[in-house]
């Protein structure tokens, strides 16, 4: 468990914590990824997001191959300490599809009031 000045984050049984990435200016949710203790440490050191790939079983720095880096502006955690929110300055697209956000498809649209 990562202990930052008394903070004990709660990782799941795989050692992962869900991490929401949000634009620090617009507050748009850009993506969801997973971190483990080491990827969080790397993120803190680099000031760029670093995640754990569940499929490839390796670390990846967002933008390393695409150039679409996420520069960390702030990190928060939820009331249960089992999820992270990272506010970033996004360069280019956050989604691997080329879209700005991974959340570009709607299941339910808000009705006009």
PDB file of N, CA and C in Angstrom:
ATOM      1  N   UNK A   1       0.832  -1.182   0.000  1.00  0.00           N
ATOM      2  CA  UNK A   1       0.000   0.000   0.000  1.00  0.00           C
ATOM      3  C   UNK A   1       0.882   1.253   0.000  1.00  0.00           C
ATOM      4  N   UNK A   2       0.600   2.192  -0.873  1.00  0.00           N
ATOM      5  CA  UNK A   2       1.349   3.445  -0.927  1.00  0.00           C
ATOM      6  C   UNK A   2       0.949   4.306   0.251  1.00  0.00           C
ATOM      7  N   UNK A   3       1.922   4.781   0.987  1.00  0.00           N
ATOM      8  CA  UNK A   3       1.658   5.611   2.152  1.00  0.00           C
ATOM      9  C   UNK A   3       2.302   6.971   1.931  1.00  0.00           C
ATOM     10  N   UNK A   4       1.492   7.954   1.602  1.00  0.00           N
ATOM     11  CA  UNK A   4       1.968   9.311   1.394  1.00  0.00           C
ATOM     12  C   UNK A   4       1.530  10.165   2.581  1.00  0.00           C
ATOM     13  N   UNK A   5       2.441  10.405   3.493  1.00  0.00           N
ATOM     14  CA  UNK A   5       2.135  11.220   4.674  1.00  0.00           C
ATOM     15  C   UNK A   5       0.896  10.702   5.394  1.00  0.00           C
ATOM     16  N   UNK A   6       0.839   9.416   5.642  1.00  0.00           N
ATOM     17  CA  UNK A   6      -0.267   8.825   6.370  1.00  0.00           C
ATOM     18  C   UNK A   6      -1.419   8.349   5.510  1.00  0.00           C
ATOM     19  N   UNK A   7      -1.441   8.693   4.227  1.00  0.00           N
ATOM     20  CA  UNK A   7      -2.508   8.258   3.330  1.00  0.00           C
ATOM     21  C   UNK A   7      -2.273   6.805   2.941  1.00  0.00           C
ATOM     22  N   UNK A   8      -3.313   5.996   3.094  1.00  0.00           N
ATOM     23  CA  UNK A   8      -3.224   4.614   2.654  1.00  0.00           C
ATOM     24  C   UNK A   8      -4.302   4.379   1.613  1.00  0.00           C
ATOM     25  N   UNK A   9      -3.877   4.332   0.352  1.00  0.00           N
ATOM     26  CA  UNK A   9      -4.805   4.064  -0.739  1.00  0.00           C
ATOM     27  C   UNK A   9      -5.183   2.595  -0.723  1.00  0.00           C
ATOM     28  N   UNK A  10      -6.408   2.309  -1.139  1.00  0.00           N
ATOM     29  CA  UNK A  10      -6.913   0.936  -1.156  1.00  0.00           C
ATOM     30  C   UNK A  10      -6.915   0.423  -2.591  1.00  0.00           C
ATOM     31  N   UNK A  11      -6.067  -0.543  -2.848  1.00  0.00           N
ATOM     32  CA  UNK A  11      -5.977  -1.175  -4.149  1.00  0.00           C
ATOM     33  C   UNK A  11      -6.861  -2.423  -4.162  1.00  0.00           C
ATOM     34  N   UNK A  12      -7.311  -2.832  -5.347  1.00  0.00           N
ATOM     35  CA  UNK A  12      -8.132  -4.039  -5.443  1.00  0.00           C
ATOM     36  C   UNK A  12      -7.263  -5.286  -5.282  1.00  0.00           C
ATOM     37  N   UNK A  13      -7.863  -6.444  -5.445  1.00  0.00           N
ATOM     38  CA  UNK A  13      -7.142  -7.712  -5.234  1.00  0.00           C
ATOM     39  C   UNK A  13      -6.015  -7.931  -6.246  1.00  0.00           C
ATOM     40  N   UNK A  14      -6.027  -7.155  -7.354  1.00  0.00           N
ATOM     41  CA  UNK A  14      -4.952  -7.227  -8.356  1.00  0.00           C
ATOM     42  C   UNK A  14      -3.892  -6.157  -8.115  1.00  0.00           C
ATOM     43  N   UNK A  15      -4.051  -5.379  -7.060  1.00  0.00           N
ATOM     44  CA  UNK A  15      -3.098  -4.322  -6.751  1.00  0.00           C
ATOM     45  C   UNK A  15      -3.331  -3.070  -7.575  1.00  0.00           C
ATOM     46  N   UNK A  16      -4.556  -2.900  -8.092  1.00  0.00           N
ATOM     47  CA  UNK A  16      -4.867  -1.765  -8.967  1.00  0.00           C
ATOM     48  C   UNK A  16      -5.881  -0.831  -8.327  1.00  0.00           C
ATOM     49  N   UNK A  17      -5.847   0.418  -8.779  1.00  0.00           N
ATOM     50  CA  UNK A  17      -6.805   1.420  -8.343  1.00  0.00           C
ATOM     51  C   UNK A  17      -7.316   2.147  -9.590  1.00  0.00           C
ATOM     52  N   UNK A  18      -8.656   2.256  -9.757  1.00  0.00           N
ATOM     53  CA  UNK A  18      -9.184   2.970 -10.922  1.00  0.00           C
ATOM     54  C   UNK A  18      -8.831   4.452 -10.837  1.00  0.00           C
ATOM     55  N   UNK A  19      -8.482   5.000 -11.988  1.00  0.00           N
ATOM     56  CA  UNK A  19      -8.006   6.382 -12.046  1.00  0.00           C
ATOM     57  C   UNK A  19      -8.733   7.127 -13.153  1.00  0.00           C
ATOM     58  N   UNK A  20      -9.469   8.148 -12.764  1.00  0.00           N
ATOM     59  CA  UNK A  20     -10.188   8.993 -13.712  1.00  0.00           C
ATOM     60  C   UNK A  20      -9.264  10.143 -14.097  1.00  0.00           C
ATOM     61  N   UNK A  21      -9.174  10.402 -15.399  1.00  0.00           N
ATOM     62  CA  UNK A  21      -8.353  11.502 -15.898  1.00  0.00           C
ATOM     63  C   UNK A  21      -9.288  12.598 -16.388  1.00  0.00           C
ATOM     64  N   UNK A  22      -9.051  13.817 -15.911  1.00  0.00           N
ATOM     65  CA  UNK A  22      -9.928  14.950 -16.189  1.00  0.00           C
ATOM     66  C   UNK A  22      -9.100  16.148 -16.632  1.00  0.00           C
ATOM     67  N   UNK A  23      -9.609  16.891 -17.611  1.00  0.00           N
ATOM     68  CA  UNK A  23      -8.960  18.127 -18.043  1.00  0.00           C
ATOM     69  C   UNK A  23      -9.027  19.143 -16.908  1.00  0.00           C
ATOM     70  N   UNK A  24      -7.897  19.703 -16.518  1.00  0.00           N
ATOM     71  CA  UNK A  24      -7.861  20.594 -15.356  1.00  0.00           C
ATOM     72  C   UNK A  24      -8.549  21.929 -15.601  1.00  0.00           C
ATOM     73  N   UNK A  25      -8.708  22.322 -16.855  1.00  0.00           N
ATOM     74  CA  UNK A  25      -9.371  23.602 -17.155  1.00  0.00           C
ATOM     75  C   UNK A  25     -10.866  23.436 -17.408  1.00  0.00           C
ATOM     76  N   UNK A  26     -11.229  22.484 -18.266  1.00  0.00           N
ATOM     77  CA  UNK A  26     -12.631  22.331 -18.676  1.00  0.00           C
ATOM     78  C   UNK A  26     -13.403  21.361 -17.785  1.00  0.00           C
ATOM     79  N   UNK A  27     -12.705  20.546 -17.021  1.00  0.00           N
ATOM     80  CA  UNK A  27     -13.278  19.509 -16.165  1.00  0.00           C
ATOM     81  C   UNK A  27     -13.876  18.347 -16.955  1.00  0.00           C
ATOM     82  N   UNK A  28     -13.616  18.312 -18.261  1.00  0.00           N
ATOM     83  CA  UNK A  28     -14.082  17.202 -19.092  1.00  0.00           C
ATOM     84  C   UNK A  28     -13.381  15.913 -18.654  1.00  0.00           C
ATOM     85  N   UNK A  29     -14.152  14.840 -18.497  1.00  0.00           N
ATOM     86  CA  UNK A  29     -13.566  13.536 -18.193  1.00  0.00           C
ATOM     87  C   UNK A  29     -12.974  12.990 -19.480  1.00  0.00           C
ATOM     88  N   UNK A  30     -11.696  12.680 -19.443  1.00  0.00           N
ATOM     89  CA  UNK A  30     -10.986  12.255 -20.644  1.00  0.00           C
ATOM     90  C   UNK A  30     -10.872  10.741 -20.776  1.00  0.00           C
ATOM     91  N   UNK A  31     -10.611  10.075 -19.680  1.00  0.00           N
ATOM     92  CA  UNK A  31     -10.423   8.631 -19.749  1.00  0.00           C
ATOM     93  C   UNK A  31     -10.431   8.016 -18.355  1.00  0.00           C
ATOM     94  N   UNK A  32     -10.483   6.700 -18.335  1.00  0.00           N
ATOM     95  CA  UNK A  32     -10.347   5.910 -17.122  1.00  0.00           C
ATOM     96  C   UNK A  32      -9.255   4.887 -17.385  1.00  0.00           C
ATOM     97  N   UNK A  33      -8.345   4.758 -16.447  1.00  0.00           N
ATOM     98  CA  UNK A  33      -7.279   3.768 -16.573  1.00  0.00           C
ATOM     99  C   UNK A  33      -6.986   3.232 -15.171  1.00  0.00           C
ATOM    100  N   UNK A  34      -6.027   2.352 -15.070  1.00  0.00           N
ATOM    101  CA  UNK A  34      -5.689   1.753 -13.780  1.00  0.00           C
ATOM    102  C   UNK A  34      -4.230   2.011 -13.441  1.00  0.00           C
ATOM    103  N   UNK A  35      -4.009   2.226 -12.170  1.00  0.00           N
ATOM    104  CA  UNK A  35      -2.655   2.407 -11.660  1.00  0.00           C
ATOM    105  C   UNK A  35      -2.406   1.368 -10.571  1.00  0.00           C
ATOM    106  N   UNK A  36      -1.143   1.026 -10.421  1.00  0.00           N
ATOM    107  CA  UNK A  36      -0.731   0.293  -9.241  1.00  0.00           C
ATOM    108  C   UNK A  36       0.205   1.218  -8.462  1.00  0.00           C
ATOM    109  N   UNK A  37       0.736   0.748  -7.379  1.00  0.00           N
ATOM    110  CA  UNK A  37       1.569   1.613  -6.538  1.00  0.00           C
ATOM    111  C   UNK A  37       2.761   2.174  -7.312  1.00  0.00           C
ATOM    112  N   UNK A  38       3.399   1.329  -8.104  1.00  0.00           N
ATOM    113  CA  UNK A  38       4.581   1.773  -8.850  1.00  0.00           C
ATOM    114  C   UNK A  38       4.222   2.791  -9.928  1.00  0.00           C
ATOM    115  N   UNK A  39       3.120   2.598 -10.643  1.00  0.00           N
ATOM    116  CA  UNK A  39       2.755   3.565 -11.685  1.00  0.00           C
ATOM    117  C   UNK A  39       2.376   4.910 -11.067  1.00  0.00           C
ATOM    118  N   UNK A  40       1.783   4.895  -9.882  1.00  0.00           N
ATOM    119  CA  UNK A  40       1.498   6.157  -9.192  1.00  0.00           C
ATOM    120  C   UNK A  40       2.797   6.856  -8.796  1.00  0.00           C
ATOM    121  N   UNK A  41       3.747   6.105  -8.296  1.00  0.00           N
ATOM    122  CA  UNK A  41       5.059   6.684  -7.958  1.00  0.00           C
ATOM    123  C   UNK A  41       5.718   7.285  -9.194  1.00  0.00           C
ATOM    124  N   UNK A  42       5.642   6.574 -10.319  1.00  0.00           N
ATOM    125  CA  UNK A  42       6.224   7.083 -11.561  1.00  0.00           C
ATOM    126  C   UNK A  42       5.517   8.348 -12.022  1.00  0.00           C
ATOM    127  N   UNK A  43       4.190   8.381 -11.873  1.00  0.00           N
ATOM    128  CA  UNK A  43       3.414   9.570 -12.228  1.00  0.00           C
ATOM    129  C   UNK A  43       3.851  10.762 -11.384  1.00  0.00           C
ATOM    130  N   UNK A  44       4.011  10.550 -10.094  1.00  0.00           N
ATOM    131  CA  UNK A  44       4.433  11.626  -9.197  1.00  0.00           C
ATOM    132  C   UNK A  44       5.830  12.136  -9.560  1.00  0.00           C
ATOM    133  N   UNK A  45       6.707  11.227  -9.946  1.00  0.00           N
ATOM    134  CA  UNK A  45       8.071  11.604 -10.302  1.00  0.00           C
ATOM    135  C   UNK A  45       8.144  12.317 -11.656  1.00  0.00           C
ATOM    136  N   UNK A  46       7.448  11.766 -12.668  1.00  0.00           N
ATOM    137  CA  UNK A  46       7.497  12.309 -14.029  1.00  0.00           C
ATOM    138  C   UNK A  46       6.635  13.550 -14.231  1.00  0.00           C
ATOM    139  N   UNK A  47       5.570  13.671 -13.417  1.00  0.00           N
ATOM    140  CA  UNK A  47       4.536  14.703 -13.602  1.00  0.00           C
ATOM    141  C   UNK A  47       3.790  14.496 -14.920  1.00  0.00           C
ATOM    142  N   UNK A  48       3.817  13.255 -15.413  1.00  0.00           N
ATOM    143  CA  UNK A  48       3.045  12.785 -16.559  1.00  0.00           C
ATOM    144  C   UNK A  48       2.369  11.497 -16.112  1.00  0.00           C
ATOM    145  N   UNK A  49       1.171  11.217 -16.663  1.00  0.00           N
ATOM    146  CA  UNK A  49       0.469  10.018 -16.224  1.00  0.00           C
ATOM    147  C   UNK A  49       1.177   8.748 -16.706  1.00  0.00           C
ATOM    148  N   UNK A  50       1.270   7.806 -15.795  1.00  0.00           N
ATOM    149  CA  UNK A  50       1.824   6.482 -16.066  1.00  0.00           C
ATOM    150  C   UNK A  50       0.817   5.474 -15.520  1.00  0.00           C
ATOM    151  N   UNK A  51       0.460   4.509 -16.322  1.00  0.00           N
ATOM    152  CA  UNK A  51      -0.555   3.539 -15.946  1.00  0.00           C
ATOM    153  C   UNK A  51      -0.003   2.123 -16.012  1.00  0.00           C
ATOM    154  N   UNK A  52      -0.783   1.194 -15.479  1.00  0.00           N
ATOM    155  CA  UNK A  52      -0.502  -0.230 -15.612  1.00  0.00           C
ATOM    156  C   UNK A  52      -1.476  -0.795 -16.632  1.00  0.00           C
ATOM    157  N   UNK A  53      -0.955  -1.406 -17.685  1.00  0.00           N
ATOM    158  CA  UNK A  53      -1.790  -2.031 -18.701  1.00  0.00           C
ATOM    159  C   UNK A  53      -2.179  -3.424 -18.221  1.00  0.00           C
ATOM    160  N   UNK A  54      -3.476  -3.623 -18.033  1.00  0.00           N
ATOM    161  CA  UNK A  54      -3.963  -4.926 -17.587  1.00  0.00           C
ATOM    162  C   UNK A  54      -3.810  -5.976 -18.679  1.00  0.00           C
ATOM    163  N   UNK A  55      -3.929  -5.575 -19.940  1.00  0.00           N
ATOM    164  CA  UNK A  55      -3.828  -6.550 -21.037  1.00  0.00           C
ATOM    165  C   UNK A  55      -2.380  -6.884 -21.376  1.00  0.00           C
ATOM    166  N   UNK A  56      -1.517  -5.872 -21.414  1.00  0.00           N
ATOM    167  CA  UNK A  56      -0.115  -6.106 -21.781  1.00  0.00           C
ATOM    168  C   UNK A  56       0.770  -6.438 -20.586  1.00  0.00           C
ATOM    169  N   UNK A  57       0.247  -6.202 -19.384  1.00  0.00           N
ATOM    170  CA  UNK A  57       1.006  -6.457 -18.146  1.00  0.00           C
ATOM    171  C   UNK A  57       2.313  -5.673 -18.124  1.00  0.00           C
ATOM    172  N   UNK A  58       2.190  -4.364 -18.440  1.00  0.00           N
ATOM    173  CA  UNK A  58       3.371  -3.491 -18.418  1.00  0.00           C
ATOM    174  C   UNK A  58       2.951  -2.053 -18.143  1.00  0.00           C
ATOM    175  N   UNK A  59       3.928  -1.241 -17.729  1.00  0.00           N
ATOM    176  CA  UNK A  59       3.685   0.175 -17.497  1.00  0.00           C
ATOM    177  C   UNK A  59       3.631   0.903 -18.828  1.00  0.00           C
ATOM    178  N   UNK A  60       2.839   1.975 -18.879  1.00  0.00           N
ATOM    179  CA  UNK A  60       2.837   2.828 -20.065  1.00  0.00           C
ATOM    180  C   UNK A  60       2.602   4.270 -19.647  1.00  0.00           C
ATOM    181  N   UNK A  61       3.425   5.139 -20.204  1.00  0.00           N
ATOM    182  CA  UNK A  61       3.274   6.569 -20.003  1.00  0.00           C
ATOM    183  C   UNK A  61       2.389   7.075 -21.129  1.00  0.00           C
ATOM    184  N   UNK A  62       1.281   7.702 -20.771  1.00  0.00           N
ATOM    185  CA  UNK A  62       0.350   8.220 -21.784  1.00  0.00           C
ATOM    186  C   UNK A  62       1.088   9.216 -22.657  1.00  0.00           C
ATOM    187  N   UNK A  63       1.066   8.985 -23.961  1.00  0.00           N
ATOM    188  CA  UNK A  63       1.711   9.875 -24.915  1.00  0.00           C
ATOM    189  C   UNK A  63       3.089   9.426 -25.366  1.00  0.00           C
ATOM    190  N   UNK A  64       3.612   8.380 -24.757  1.00  0.00           N
ATOM    191  CA  UNK A  64       4.960   7.919 -25.098  1.00  0.00           C
ATOM    192  C   UNK A  64       5.102   7.554 -26.570  1.00  0.00           C
ATOM    193  N   UNK A  65       4.069   6.955 -27.148  1.00  0.00           N
ATOM    194  CA  UNK A  65       4.128   6.611 -28.573  1.00  0.00           C
ATOM    195  C   UNK A  65       3.379   7.614 -29.443  1.00  0.00           C
ATOM    196  N   UNK A  66       2.311   8.218 -28.910  1.00  0.00           N
ATOM    197  CA  UNK A  66       1.482   9.132 -29.709  1.00  0.00           C
ATOM    198  C   UNK A  66       1.905  10.588 -29.622  1.00  0.00           C
ATOM    199  N   UNK A  67       2.623  10.947 -28.563  1.00  0.00           N
ATOM    200  CA  UNK A  67       2.946  12.348 -28.324  1.00  0.00           C
ATOM    201  C   UNK A  67       1.826  13.092 -27.622  1.00  0.00           C
ATOM    202  N   UNK A  68       0.745  12.407 -27.276  1.00  0.00           N
ATOM    203  CA  UNK A  68      -0.414  13.007 -26.618  1.00  0.00           C
ATOM    204  C   UNK A  68      -0.290  12.861 -25.103  1.00  0.00           C
ATOM    205  N   UNK A  69       0.671  13.568 -24.542  1.00  0.00           N
ATOM    206  CA  UNK A  69       0.974  13.467 -23.117  1.00  0.00           C
ATOM    207  C   UNK A  69      -0.099  14.090 -22.250  1.00  0.00           C
ATOM    208  N   UNK A  70      -0.119  13.652 -20.999  1.00  0.00           N
ATOM    209  CA  UNK A  70      -0.977  14.230 -19.974  1.00  0.00           C
ATOM    210  C   UNK A  70      -0.066  14.748 -18.868  1.00  0.00           C
ATOM    211  N   UNK A  71       0.002  16.072 -18.752  1.00  0.00           N
ATOM    212  CA  UNK A  71       0.833  16.702 -17.740  1.00  0.00           C
ATOM    213  C   UNK A  71       0.010  16.903 -16.475  1.00  0.00           C
ATOM    214  N   UNK A  72       0.452  16.317 -15.381  1.00  0.00           N
ATOM    215  CA  UNK A  72      -0.305  16.296 -14.137  1.00  0.00           C
ATOM    216  C   UNK A  72      -0.349  17.675 -13.487  1.00  0.00           C
ATOM    217  N   UNK A  73      -1.569  18.098 -13.163  1.00  0.00           N
ATOM    218  CA  UNK A  73      -1.801  19.372 -12.480  1.00  0.00           C
ATOM    219  C   UNK A  73      -2.308  19.166 -11.060  1.00  0.00           C
ATOM    220  N   UNK A  74      -2.877  18.010 -10.781  1.00  0.00           N
ATOM    221  CA  UNK A  74      -3.373  17.719  -9.437  1.00  0.00           C
ATOM    222  C   UNK A  74      -3.837  16.279  -9.337  1.00  0.00           C
ATOM    223  N   UNK A  75      -3.752  15.732  -8.124  1.00  0.00           N
ATOM    224  CA  UNK A  75      -4.209  14.370  -7.872  1.00  0.00           C
ATOM    225  C   UNK A  75      -5.067  14.386  -6.607  1.00  0.00           C
ATOM    226  N   UNK A  76      -6.267  13.828  -6.728  1.00  0.00           N
ATOM    227  CA  UNK A  76      -7.181  13.703  -5.592  1.00  0.00           C
ATOM    228  C   UNK A  76      -7.567  12.239  -5.447  1.00  0.00           C
ATOM    229  N   UNK A  77      -8.116  11.907  -4.294  1.00  0.00           N
ATOM    230  CA  UNK A  77      -8.634  10.562  -4.084  1.00  0.00           C
ATOM    231  C   UNK A  77     -10.011  10.671  -3.442  1.00  0.00           C
ATOM    232  N   UNK A  78     -10.814   9.644  -3.616  1.00  0.00           N
ATOM    233  CA  UNK A  78     -12.195   9.696  -3.128  1.00  0.00           C
ATOM    234  C   UNK A  78     -12.277   9.406  -1.632  1.00  0.00           C
ATOM    235  N   UNK A  79     -13.496   9.495  -1.108  1.00  0.00           N
ATOM    236  CA  UNK A  79     -13.736   9.363   0.335  1.00  0.00           C
ATOM    237  C   UNK A  79     -13.320   8.002   0.893  1.00  0.00           C
ATOM    238  N   UNK A  80     -13.336   6.962   0.074  1.00  0.00           N
ATOM    239  CA  UNK A  80     -12.942   5.626   0.517  1.00  0.00           C
ATOM    240  C   UNK A  80     -11.477   5.311   0.217  1.00  0.00           C
ATOM    241  N   UNK A  81     -10.785   6.245  -0.436  1.00  0.00           N
ATOM    242  CA  UNK A  81      -9.384   6.077  -0.833  1.00  0.00           C
ATOM    243  C   UNK A  81      -9.190   4.880  -1.757  1.00  0.00           C
ATOM    244  N   UNK A  82     -10.232   4.584  -2.580  1.00  0.00           N
ATOM    245  CA  UNK A  82     -10.113   3.454  -3.503  1.00  0.00           C
ATOM    246  C   UNK A  82     -10.288   3.859  -4.964  1.00  0.00           C
ATOM    247  N   UNK A  83     -10.174   5.145  -5.247  1.00  0.00           N
ATOM    248  CA  UNK A  83     -10.206   5.652  -6.619  1.00  0.00           C
ATOM    249  C   UNK A  83      -9.452   6.978  -6.652  1.00  0.00           C
ATOM    250  N   UNK A  84      -8.797   7.237  -7.785  1.00  0.00           N
ATOM    251  CA  UNK A  84      -8.040   8.474  -7.965  1.00  0.00           C
ATOM    252  C   UNK A  84      -8.675   9.338  -9.037  1.00  0.00           C
ATOM    253  N   UNK A  85      -8.478  10.637  -8.903  1.00  0.00           N
ATOM    254  CA  UNK A  85      -8.862  11.620  -9.912  1.00  0.00           C
ATOM    255  C   UNK A  85      -7.607  12.434 -10.195  1.00  0.00           C
ATOM    256  N   UNK A  86      -7.153  12.378 -11.441  1.00  0.00           N
ATOM    257  CA  UNK A  86      -5.963  13.137 -11.823  1.00  0.00           C
ATOM    258  C   UNK A  86      -6.377  14.201 -12.821  1.00  0.00           C
ATOM    259  N   UNK A  87      -6.093  15.448 -12.471  1.00  0.00           N
ATOM    260  CA  UNK A  87      -6.361  16.563 -13.370  1.00  0.00           C
ATOM    261  C   UNK A  87      -5.100  16.826 -14.169  1.00  0.00           C
ATOM    262  N   UNK A  88      -5.285  16.953 -15.489  1.00  0.00           N
ATOM    263  CA  UNK A  88      -4.138  17.046 -16.385  1.00  0.00           C
ATOM    264  C   UNK A  88      -4.314  18.168 -17.408  1.00  0.00           C
ATOM    265  N   UNK A  89      -3.181  18.555 -17.970  1.00  0.00           N
ATOM    266  CA  UNK A  89      -3.187  19.354 -19.198  1.00  0.00           C
ATOM    267  C   UNK A  89      -2.977  18.340 -20.311  1.00  0.00           C
ATOM    268  N   UNK A  90      -4.013  18.115 -21.081  1.00  0.00           N
ATOM    269  CA  UNK A  90      -3.975  17.119 -22.145  1.00  0.00           C
ATOM    270  C   UNK A  90      -3.401  17.728 -23.410  1.00  0.00           C
ATOM    271  N   UNK A  91      -2.435  17.053 -24.000  1.00  0.00           N
ATOM    272  CA  UNK A  91      -1.885  17.447 -25.304  1.00  0.00           C
ATOM    273  C   UNK A  91      -2.457  16.474 -26.327  1.00  0.00           C
ATOM    274  N   UNK A  92      -3.219  16.984 -27.276  1.00  0.00           N
ATOM    275  CA  UNK A  92      -3.813  16.117 -28.289  1.00  0.00           C
ATOM    276  C   UNK A  92      -4.958  15.293 -27.730  1.00  0.00           C
ATOM    277  N   UNK A  93      -5.183  14.145 -28.354  1.00  0.00           N
ATOM    278  CA  UNK A  93      -6.303  13.266 -27.992  1.00  0.00           C
ATOM    279  C   UNK A  93      -5.948  12.405 -26.787  1.00  0.00           C
ATOM    280  N   UNK A  94      -6.936  12.173 -25.940  1.00  0.00           N
ATOM    281  CA  UNK A  94      -6.742  11.265 -24.812  1.00  0.00           C
ATOM    282  C   UNK A  94      -7.066   9.827 -25.208  1.00  0.00           C
ATOM    283  N   UNK A  95      -8.001   9.667 -26.134  1.00  0.00           N
ATOM    284  CA  UNK A  95      -8.470   8.337 -26.530  1.00  0.00           C
ATOM    285  C   UNK A  95      -7.610   7.751 -27.650  1.00  0.00           C
ATOM    286  N   UNK A  96      -7.408   6.442 -27.596  1.00  0.00           N
ATOM    287  CA  UNK A  96      -6.628   5.766 -28.643  1.00  0.00           C
ATOM    288  C   UNK A  96      -7.318   5.823 -30.006  1.00  0.00           C
ATOM    289  N   UNK A  97      -8.623   6.179 -30.030  1.00  0.00           N
ATOM    290  CA  UNK A  97      -9.354   6.301 -31.300  1.00  0.00           C
ATOM    291  C   UNK A  97      -9.080   7.628 -31.997  1.00  0.00           C
ATOM    292  N   UNK A  98      -8.399   8.525 -31.298  1.00  0.00           N
ATOM    293  CA  UNK A  98      -8.139   9.855 -31.840  1.00  0.00           C
ATOM    294  C   UNK A  98      -9.107  10.915 -31.335  1.00  0.00           C
ATOM    295  N   UNK A  99     -10.101  10.502 -30.572  1.00  0.00           N
ATOM    296  CA  UNK A  99     -11.054  11.447 -29.974  1.00  0.00           C
ATOM    297  C   UNK A  99     -10.407  12.132 -28.774  1.00  0.00           C
ATOM    298  N   UNK A 100     -10.882  13.316 -28.469  1.00  0.00           N
ATOM    299  CA  UNK A 100     -10.348  14.047 -27.315  1.00  0.00           C
ATOM    300  C   UNK A 100     -10.588  13.273 -26.020  1.00  0.00           C
ATOM    301  N   UNK A 101     -11.780  12.695 -25.868  1.00  0.00           N
ATOM    302  CA  UNK A 101     -12.151  11.948 -24.670  1.00  0.00           C
ATOM    303  C   UNK A 101     -12.546  10.530 -25.068  1.00  0.00           C
ATOM    304  N   UNK A 102     -12.308   9.589 -24.176  1.00  0.00           N
ATOM    305  CA  UNK A 102     -12.778   8.221 -24.403  1.00  0.00           C
ATOM    306  C   UNK A 102     -14.288   8.127 -24.241  1.00  0.00           C
ATOM    307  N   UNK A 103     -14.897   9.140 -23.621  1.00  0.00           N
ATOM    308  CA  UNK A 103     -16.330   9.134 -23.350  1.00  0.00           C
ATOM    309  C   UNK A 103     -17.077   9.962 -24.384  1.00  0.00           C
ATOM    310  N   UNK A 104     -17.035   9.518 -25.629  1.00  0.00           N
ATOM    311  CA  UNK A 104     -17.684  10.249 -26.725  1.00  0.00           C
ATOM    312  C   UNK A 104     -18.988   9.588 -27.173  1.00  0.00           C
ATOM    313  N   UNK A 105     -19.322   8.439 -26.616  1.00  0.00           N
ATOM    314  CA  UNK A 105     -20.564   7.743 -26.972  1.00  0.00           C
ATOM    315  C   UNK A 105     -21.565   7.871 -25.823  1.00  0.00           C
ATOM    316  N   UNK A 106     -22.837   8.046 -26.172  1.00  0.00           N
ATOM    317  CA  UNK A 106     -23.883   8.238 -25.164  1.00  0.00           C
ATOM    318  C   UNK A 106     -24.775   7.025 -25.050  1.00  0.00           C
ATOM    319  N   UNK A 107     -25.048   6.637 -23.837  1.00  0.00           N
ATOM    320  CA  UNK A 107     -26.034   5.614 -23.556  1.00  0.00           C
ATOM    321  C   UNK A 107     -27.384   6.268 -23.274  1.00  0.00           C
ATOM    322  N   UNK A 108     -27.330   7.442 -22.636  1.00  0.00           N
ATOM    323  CA  UNK A 108     -28.522   8.211 -22.313  1.00  0.00           C
ATOM    324  C   UNK A 108     -28.154   9.677 -22.407  1.00  0.00           C
ATOM    325  N   UNK A 109     -28.914  10.434 -23.162  1.00  0.00           N
ATOM    326  CA  UNK A 109     -28.670  11.866 -23.288  1.00  0.00           C
ATOM    327  C   UNK A 109     -29.610  12.617 -22.370  1.00  0.00           C
ATOM    328  N   UNK A 110     -29.095  13.663 -21.768  1.00  0.00           N
ATOM    329  CA  UNK A 110     -29.904  14.523 -20.914  1.00  0.00           C
ATOM    330  C   UNK A 110     -30.938  15.264 -21.748  1.00  0.00           C
ATOM    331  N   UNK A 111     -32.176  15.223 -21.258  1.00  0.00           N
ATOM    332  CA  UNK A 111     -33.236  15.963 -21.943  1.00  0.00           C
ATOM    333  C   UNK A 111     -33.096  17.449 -21.650  1.00  0.00           C
ATOM    334  N   UNK A 112     -33.536  18.274 -22.603  1.00  0.00           N
ATOM    335  CA  UNK A 112     -33.509  19.708 -22.386  1.00  0.00           C
ATOM    336  C   UNK A 112     -34.532  20.077 -21.322  1.00  0.00           C
ATOM    337  N   UNK A 113     -34.137  20.981 -20.468  1.00  0.00           N
ATOM    338  CA  UNK A 113     -35.040  21.401 -19.378  1.00  0.00           C
ATOM    339  C   UNK A 113     -35.891  22.558 -19.776  1.00  0.00           C
TER     340      UNK A 113
END
